[in-house]
Amino acid sequence: MTLSGAGPAPYGARRRLGALYVQRDFPHFLTNFRDLCAELTSPDDFALATERLAGRLAGEGVRHAEVMCSATIFARRGLPAAEILDAAW
């Protein structure tokens, strides 16, 4: 499942992606982090993820959040870092 142009994720995809947020230990976290990063395949995915995160945080009353994105991870896979950062802005 890729996020690009997606509406709400189908139940199975949401369940599969949700499982990536449960870690048994640090090596399992790294595996899940790698798998989650593989779902982000275009600058549009970053724009969508940023938009949804901002909406979710606002809905929870969060007024300030520091969110990190290591564009270098994705640049190694051929996604231009500048485009990723522009999309997430």
Protein backbone atom coordinates (compact mmCIF):
# COMPACT_ATOMS: atom_id res chain seq x y z
CA MET A 1 0.00 0.00 0.00
CA THR A 2 1.35 3.41 -0.86
CA LEU A 3 -0.04 6.64 0.53
CA SER A 4 0.05 8.61 -2.72
CA GLY A 5 -3.39 9.95 -3.59
CA ALA A 6 -4.98 7.62 -1.09
CA GLY A 7 -8.23 8.17 0.71
CA PRO A 8 -8.72 6.37 3.99
CA ALA A 9 -6.63 3.21 4.12
CA PRO A 10 -8.54 -0.06 3.89
CA TYR A 11 -8.99 -1.85 7.23
CA GLY A 12 -6.38 -4.52 6.48
CA ALA A 13 -3.78 -1.92 5.52
CA ARG A 14 -4.53 0.18 8.61
CA ARG A 15 -4.17 -2.91 10.80
CA ARG A 16 -0.89 -3.89 9.09
CA LEU A 17 0.54 -0.37 9.37
CA GLY A 18 -0.73 -0.02 12.94
CA ALA A 19 1.24 -3.13 13.88
CA LEU A 20 4.41 -1.24 12.92
CA TYR A 21 3.92 0.93 16.02
CA VAL A 22 4.28 -1.98 18.46
CA GLN A 23 7.85 -2.99 19.22
CA ARG A 24 9.20 -5.91 21.25
CA ASP A 25 12.71 -4.51 21.45
CA PHE A 26 15.08 -2.11 19.70
CA PRO A 27 15.96 -4.43 16.77
CA HIS A 28 12.22 -4.92 16.19
CA PHE A 29 11.75 -1.13 16.26
CA LEU A 30 14.44 -0.77 13.56
CA THR A 31 12.73 -3.40 11.41
CA ASN A 32 9.38 -1.65 11.81
CA PHE A 33 10.96 1.74 11.09
CA ARG A 34 12.46 0.37 7.85
CA ASP A 35 9.10 -1.12 6.84
CA LEU A 36 7.25 2.10 7.60
CA CYS A 37 9.77 4.14 5.61
CA ALA A 38 9.20 1.80 2.65
CA GLU A 39 5.55 2.97 2.58
CA LEU A 40 6.65 6.55 1.84
CA THR A 41 7.46 6.45 -1.86
CA SER A 42 6.91 9.99 -3.14
CA PRO A 43 6.89 13.63 -2.00
CA ASP A 44 3.08 13.43 -2.13
CA ASP A 45 3.23 10.74 0.57
CA PHE A 46 5.10 13.15 2.83
CA ALA A 47 2.58 15.91 2.16
CA LEU A 48 -0.29 13.57 2.99
CA ALA A 49 1.41 12.22 6.13
CA THR A 50 2.17 15.77 7.30
CA GLU A 51 -1.40 16.91 6.65
CA ARG A 52 -2.90 13.95 8.49
CA LEU A 53 -0.50 14.26 11.41
CA ALA A 54 -1.23 17.98 11.75
CA GLY A 55 -4.97 17.29 11.68
CA ARG A 56 -4.68 14.51 14.24
CA LEU A 57 -2.54 16.60 16.58
CA ALA A 58 -4.88 19.58 16.27
CA GLY A 59 -7.84 17.32 17.01
CA GLU A 60 -6.09 16.20 20.19
CA GLY A 61 -5.48 19.80 21.23
CA VAL A 62 -1.72 19.69 20.66
CA ARG A 63 -0.40 23.21 20.22
CA HIS A 64 3.26 22.39 19.64
CA ALA A 65 4.99 19.27 18.34
CA GLU A 66 8.52 18.67 17.19
CA VAL A 67 8.49 16.13 14.38
CA MET A 68 11.67 14.87 12.78
CA CYS A 69 12.08 13.71 9.20
CA SER A 70 15.42 12.38 8.05
CA ALA A 71 15.22 13.20 4.36
CA THR A 72 18.60 11.51 3.88
CA ILE A 73 17.04 8.09 4.44
CA PHE A 74 14.71 8.69 1.52
CA ALA A 75 17.30 10.46 -0.63
CA ARG A 76 19.30 7.22 -0.58
CA ARG A 77 16.28 5.57 -2.22
CA GLY A 78 16.20 8.22 -4.96
CA LEU A 79 13.66 10.66 -3.51
CA PRO A 80 15.01 14.23 -3.74
CA ALA A 81 15.52 15.58 -0.20
CA ALA A 82 14.47 19.10 -1.20
CA GLU A 83 11.18 17.82 -2.66
CA ILE A 84 10.49 15.79 0.48
CA LEU A 85 11.09 18.77 2.73
CA ASP A 86 9.03 21.07 0.49
CA ALA A 87 6.14 18.59 0.50
CA ALA A 88 6.25 18.17 4.28
CA TRP A 89 6.37 21.91 4.88
